[in-house]
Amino acid sequence: MPYLLDTNHCSYIINGNSQLIDALNAHGNDIIGISIITYAELLYMTDKSQRSVQNRIAVESFLNQIDLYLIDEETAIIYSRIKASVFNQFAPKDKNKRRHTSMSNLGFTDHDLWIVATAIQHGLTLVSTDNDFKRINQVESFSWESWV
């Protein structure tokens, strides 16, 4: 089965969480990857850290072991559909209130929507502890689990 790791699971693995390292090793015959969005989030975390050089080396070492999924036109089409569906489901129904409502007001980030779009596009099971994915899954069905 192919998997797409979210940023939180990647961070746990990079930081040596034995439970997640064991889970990753148990899936050694499976395709494991991350979205380019997760890659950007990991790089941002290293750039803002006190130990940016050491953390960048750890991230790059981790990335050498997994696949990287990029965003393309198909991803954008799926992302747009998901974003509209999530907005329509969770935004206020009153027209005036909807105009002043953003995805972040609803508790969603565009990053999470891009990651879900990537998982759907490539038929991947998203692996995360982020409960926002549970809410997105109420609107757009996709395979999702946590290894924690």
C-alpha atoms as a PDB file:
ATOM      1  CA  MET A   1       0.000   0.000   0.000  1.00  0.00           C
ATOM      2  CA  PRO A   2       1.363   3.470  -0.798  1.00  0.00           C
ATOM      3  CA  TYR A   3       1.492   6.144   1.930  1.00  0.00           C
ATOM      4  CA  LEU A   4       1.846   9.916   2.104  1.00  0.00           C
ATOM      5  CA  LEU A   5       3.349  11.141   5.375  1.00  0.00           C
ATOM      6  CA  ASP A   6       2.185  14.455   6.798  1.00  0.00           C
ATOM      7  CA  THR A   7       4.614  16.871   8.423  1.00  0.00           C
ATOM      8  CA  ASN A   8       3.882  15.750  11.982  1.00  0.00           C
ATOM      9  CA  HIS A   9       4.768  12.120  11.262  1.00  0.00           C
ATOM     10  CA  CYS A  10       7.913  13.183   9.396  1.00  0.00           C
ATOM     11  CA  SER A  11       8.991  15.313  12.345  1.00  0.00           C
ATOM     12  CA  TYR A  12       8.482  12.435  14.758  1.00  0.00           C
ATOM     13  CA  ILE A  13      10.550  10.118  12.553  1.00  0.00           C
ATOM     14  CA  ILE A  14      13.326  12.657  12.006  1.00  0.00           C
ATOM     15  CA  ASN A  15      13.457  13.315  15.759  1.00  0.00           C
ATOM     16  CA  GLY A  16      13.875   9.595  16.449  1.00  0.00           C
ATOM     17  CA  ASN A  17      10.435   8.595  17.739  1.00  0.00           C
ATOM     18  CA  SER A  18      10.913   4.833  18.075  1.00  0.00           C
ATOM     19  CA  GLN A  19       7.204   4.008  17.628  1.00  0.00           C
ATOM     20  CA  LEU A  20       7.087   5.787  14.270  1.00  0.00           C
ATOM     21  CA  ILE A  21      10.461   4.481  13.156  1.00  0.00           C
ATOM     22  CA  ASP A  22       9.204   0.960  13.887  1.00  0.00           C
ATOM     23  CA  ALA A  23       5.998   1.697  11.944  1.00  0.00           C
ATOM     24  CA  LEU A  24       8.012   3.066   9.034  1.00  0.00           C
ATOM     25  CA  ASN A  25      10.235  -0.028   9.044  1.00  0.00           C
ATOM     26  CA  ALA A  26       7.144  -2.266   9.178  1.00  0.00           C
ATOM     27  CA  HIS A  27       6.046  -0.609   5.924  1.00  0.00           C
ATOM     28  CA  GLY A  28       9.453  -1.133   4.333  1.00  0.00           C
ATOM     29  CA  ASN A  29       7.986  -2.833   1.259  1.00  0.00           C
ATOM     30  CA  ASP A  30       5.428  -0.069   0.733  1.00  0.00           C
ATOM     31  CA  ILE A  31       5.825   3.145  -1.207  1.00  0.00           C
ATOM     32  CA  ILE A  32       6.329   5.977   1.286  1.00  0.00           C
ATOM     33  CA  GLY A  33       6.374   9.601   0.223  1.00  0.00           C
ATOM     34  CA  ILE A  34       5.638  13.179   1.123  1.00  0.00           C
ATOM     35  CA  SER A  35       4.052  16.097  -0.673  1.00  0.00           C
ATOM     36  CA  ILE A  36       6.188  19.003  -1.838  1.00  0.00           C
ATOM     37  CA  ILE A  37       4.109  20.987   0.682  1.00  0.00           C
ATOM     38  CA  THR A  38       5.379  18.799   3.542  1.00  0.00           C
ATOM     39  CA  TYR A  39       8.892  19.195   2.181  1.00  0.00           C
ATOM     40  CA  ALA A  40       8.499  22.992   2.325  1.00  0.00           C
ATOM     41  CA  GLU A  41       7.130  22.797   5.878  1.00  0.00           C
ATOM     42  CA  LEU A  42      10.085  20.643   6.979  1.00  0.00           C
ATOM     43  CA  LEU A  43      12.551  23.071   5.413  1.00  0.00           C
ATOM     44  CA  TYR A  44      10.804  26.000   7.104  1.00  0.00           C
ATOM     45  CA  MET A  45      11.092  24.213  10.440  1.00  0.00           C
ATOM     46  CA  THR A  46      14.831  23.748   9.916  1.00  0.00           C
ATOM     47  CA  ASP A  47      15.373  27.333   8.754  1.00  0.00           C
ATOM     48  CA  LYS A  48      13.737  28.808  11.857  1.00  0.00           C
ATOM     49  CA  SER A  49      15.424  26.436  14.319  1.00  0.00           C
ATOM     50  CA  GLN A  50      18.427  27.162  16.514  1.00  0.00           C
ATOM     51  CA  ARG A  51      20.251  24.186  14.960  1.00  0.00           C
ATOM     52  CA  SER A  52      19.318  24.823  11.346  1.00  0.00           C
ATOM     53  CA  VAL A  53      22.386  23.174   9.790  1.00  0.00           C
ATOM     54  CA  GLN A  54      22.100  19.965  11.833  1.00  0.00           C
ATOM     55  CA  ASN A  55      18.341  19.832  11.334  1.00  0.00           C
ATOM     56  CA  ARG A  56      18.677  20.398   7.576  1.00  0.00           C
ATOM     57  CA  ILE A  57      21.089  17.443   7.388  1.00  0.00           C
ATOM     58  CA  ALA A  58      18.610  15.261   9.318  1.00  0.00           C
ATOM     59  CA  VAL A  59      15.730  16.305   7.017  1.00  0.00           C
ATOM     60  CA  GLU A  60      17.759  15.692   3.858  1.00  0.00           C
ATOM     61  CA  SER A  61      18.844  12.277   5.160  1.00  0.00           C
ATOM     62  CA  PHE A  62      15.203  11.367   5.787  1.00  0.00           C
ATOM     63  CA  LEU A  63      14.152  12.616   2.353  1.00  0.00           C
ATOM     64  CA  ASN A  64      16.703  10.398   0.634  1.00  0.00           C
ATOM     65  CA  GLN A  65      14.668   7.394   1.814  1.00  0.00           C
ATOM     66  CA  ILE A  66      11.232   8.441   0.517  1.00  0.00           C
ATOM     67  CA  ASP A  67       9.429   9.623  -2.614  1.00  0.00           C
ATOM     68  CA  LEU A  68       8.489  13.233  -3.280  1.00  0.00           C
ATOM     69  CA  TYR A  69       5.138  14.089  -4.872  1.00  0.00           C
ATOM     70  CA  LEU A  70       4.962  17.373  -6.758  1.00  0.00           C
ATOM     71  CA  ILE A  71       1.962  19.550  -7.537  1.00  0.00           C
ATOM     72  CA  ASP A  72       0.693  19.682 -11.102  1.00  0.00           C
ATOM     73  CA  GLU A  73      -2.449  20.650 -12.999  1.00  0.00           C
ATOM     74  CA  GLU A  74      -4.391  17.590 -11.839  1.00  0.00           C
ATOM     75  CA  THR A  75      -3.460  18.311  -8.218  1.00  0.00           C
ATOM     76  CA  ALA A  76      -4.740  21.872  -8.653  1.00  0.00           C
ATOM     77  CA  ILE A  77      -8.074  20.660 -10.029  1.00  0.00           C
ATOM     78  CA  ILE A  78      -8.542  18.264  -7.097  1.00  0.00           C
ATOM     79  CA  TYR A  79      -7.433  20.952  -4.606  1.00  0.00           C
ATOM     80  CA  SER A  80      -9.971  23.413  -5.990  1.00  0.00           C
ATOM     81  CA  ARG A  81     -12.800  20.881  -5.763  1.00  0.00           C
ATOM     82  CA  ILE A  82     -11.878  19.967  -2.180  1.00  0.00           C
ATOM     83  CA  LYS A  83     -11.530  23.586  -1.089  1.00  0.00           C
ATOM     84  CA  ALA A  84     -14.933  24.506  -2.520  1.00  0.00           C
ATOM     85  CA  SER A  85     -16.564  21.441  -0.930  1.00  0.00           C
ATOM     86  CA  VAL A  86     -15.011  22.107   2.473  1.00  0.00           C
ATOM     87  CA  PHE A  87     -15.998  25.778   2.317  1.00  0.00           C
ATOM     88  CA  ASN A  88     -19.567  24.944   1.313  1.00  0.00           C
ATOM     89  CA  GLN A  89     -19.866  22.391   4.114  1.00  0.00           C
ATOM     90  CA  PHE A  90     -18.374  24.394   6.986  1.00  0.00           C
ATOM     91  CA  ALA A  91     -18.882  28.082   6.112  1.00  0.00           C
ATOM     92  CA  PRO A  92     -21.919  29.956   7.396  1.00  0.00           C
ATOM     93  CA  LYS A  93     -24.947  29.656   5.152  1.00  0.00           C
ATOM     94  CA  ASP A  94     -25.748  33.365   5.435  1.00  0.00           C
ATOM     95  CA  LYS A  95     -24.442  35.113   2.289  1.00  0.00           C
ATOM     96  CA  ASN A  96     -23.051  38.168   4.123  1.00  0.00           C
ATOM     97  CA  LYS A  97     -21.190  36.036   6.656  1.00  0.00           C
ATOM     98  CA  ARG A  98     -19.781  33.792   3.883  1.00  0.00           C
ATOM     99  CA  ARG A  99     -18.164  36.805   2.196  1.00  0.00           C
ATOM    100  CA  HIS A 100     -16.093  37.477   5.288  1.00  0.00           C
ATOM    101  CA  THR A 101     -15.199  33.858   5.993  1.00  0.00           C
ATOM    102  CA  SER A 102     -11.834  32.399   5.015  1.00  0.00           C
ATOM    103  CA  MET A 103     -10.607  28.834   5.167  1.00  0.00           C
ATOM    104  CA  SER A 104      -8.403  29.766   8.122  1.00  0.00           C
ATOM    105  CA  ASN A 105     -11.507  31.110   9.927  1.00  0.00           C
ATOM    106  CA  LEU A 106     -12.926  27.615   9.493  1.00  0.00           C
ATOM    107  CA  GLY A 107      -9.786  26.012  10.916  1.00  0.00           C
ATOM    108  CA  PHE A 108      -8.286  24.747   7.659  1.00  0.00           C
ATOM    109  CA  THR A 109      -4.996  25.547   5.999  1.00  0.00           C
ATOM    110  CA  ASP A 110      -4.348  25.551   2.291  1.00  0.00           C
ATOM    111  CA  HIS A 111      -1.341  23.330   3.012  1.00  0.00           C
ATOM    112  CA  ASP A 112      -3.592  20.593   4.369  1.00  0.00           C
ATOM    113  CA  LEU A 113      -5.871  20.854   1.336  1.00  0.00           C
ATOM    114  CA  TRP A 114      -2.904  20.534  -1.049  1.00  0.00           C
ATOM    115  CA  ILE A 115      -1.669  17.484   0.873  1.00  0.00           C
ATOM    116  CA  VAL A 116      -5.098  15.822   0.677  1.00  0.00           C
ATOM    117  CA  ALA A 117      -5.295  16.632  -3.046  1.00  0.00           C
ATOM    118  CA  THR A 118      -1.911  14.962  -3.541  1.00  0.00           C
ATOM    119  CA  ALA A 119      -3.016  11.863  -1.617  1.00  0.00           C
ATOM    120  CA  ILE A 120      -6.222  11.581  -3.647  1.00  0.00           C
ATOM    121  CA  GLN A 121      -4.489  12.165  -6.968  1.00  0.00           C
ATOM    122  CA  HIS A 122      -1.959   9.398  -6.411  1.00  0.00           C
ATOM    123  CA  GLY A 123      -4.201   6.965  -4.500  1.00  0.00           C
ATOM    124  CA  LEU A 124      -2.144   7.273  -1.317  1.00  0.00           C
ATOM    125  CA  THR A 125      -3.139   6.725   2.299  1.00  0.00           C
ATOM    126  CA  LEU A 126      -2.443   9.939   4.195  1.00  0.00           C
ATOM    127  CA  VAL A 127      -0.639   9.332   7.494  1.00  0.00           C
ATOM    128  CA  SER A 128      -1.154  12.107  10.050  1.00  0.00           C
ATOM    129  CA  THR A 129      -2.277  12.971  13.559  1.00  0.00           C
ATOM    130  CA  ASP A 130      -3.862  16.224  12.337  1.00  0.00           C
ATOM    131  CA  ASN A 131      -7.591  16.161  13.138  1.00  0.00           C
ATOM    132  CA  ASP A 132      -8.313  18.693  10.391  1.00  0.00           C
ATOM    133  CA  PHE A 133      -8.001  15.771   7.989  1.00  0.00           C
ATOM    134  CA  LYS A 134     -10.871  14.073   9.798  1.00  0.00           C
ATOM    135  CA  ARG A 135     -13.060  17.098   9.050  1.00  0.00           C
ATOM    136  CA  ILE A 136     -11.927  17.229   5.415  1.00  0.00           C
ATOM    137  CA  ASN A 137     -12.700  13.517   5.115  1.00  0.00           C
ATOM    138  CA  GLN A 138     -16.327  14.278   6.039  1.00  0.00           C
ATOM    139  CA  VAL A 139     -16.601  16.184   2.756  1.00  0.00           C
ATOM    140  CA  GLU A 140     -14.089  14.472   0.470  1.00  0.00           C
ATOM    141  CA  SER A 141     -13.417  10.802   1.067  1.00  0.00           C
ATOM    142  CA  PHE A 142      -9.781   9.682   1.138  1.00  0.00           C
ATOM    143  CA  SER A 143      -7.761   7.048   2.946  1.00  0.00           C
ATOM    144  CA  TRP A 144      -6.331   8.393   6.206  1.00  0.00           C
ATOM    145  CA  GLU A 145      -4.646   6.865   9.261  1.00  0.00           C
ATOM    146  CA  SER A 146      -2.187   7.596  12.058  1.00  0.00           C
ATOM    147  CA  TRP A 147       0.795   5.497  13.089  1.00  0.00           C
ATOM    148  CA  VAL A 148       0.818   7.028  16.576  1.00  0.00           C
END
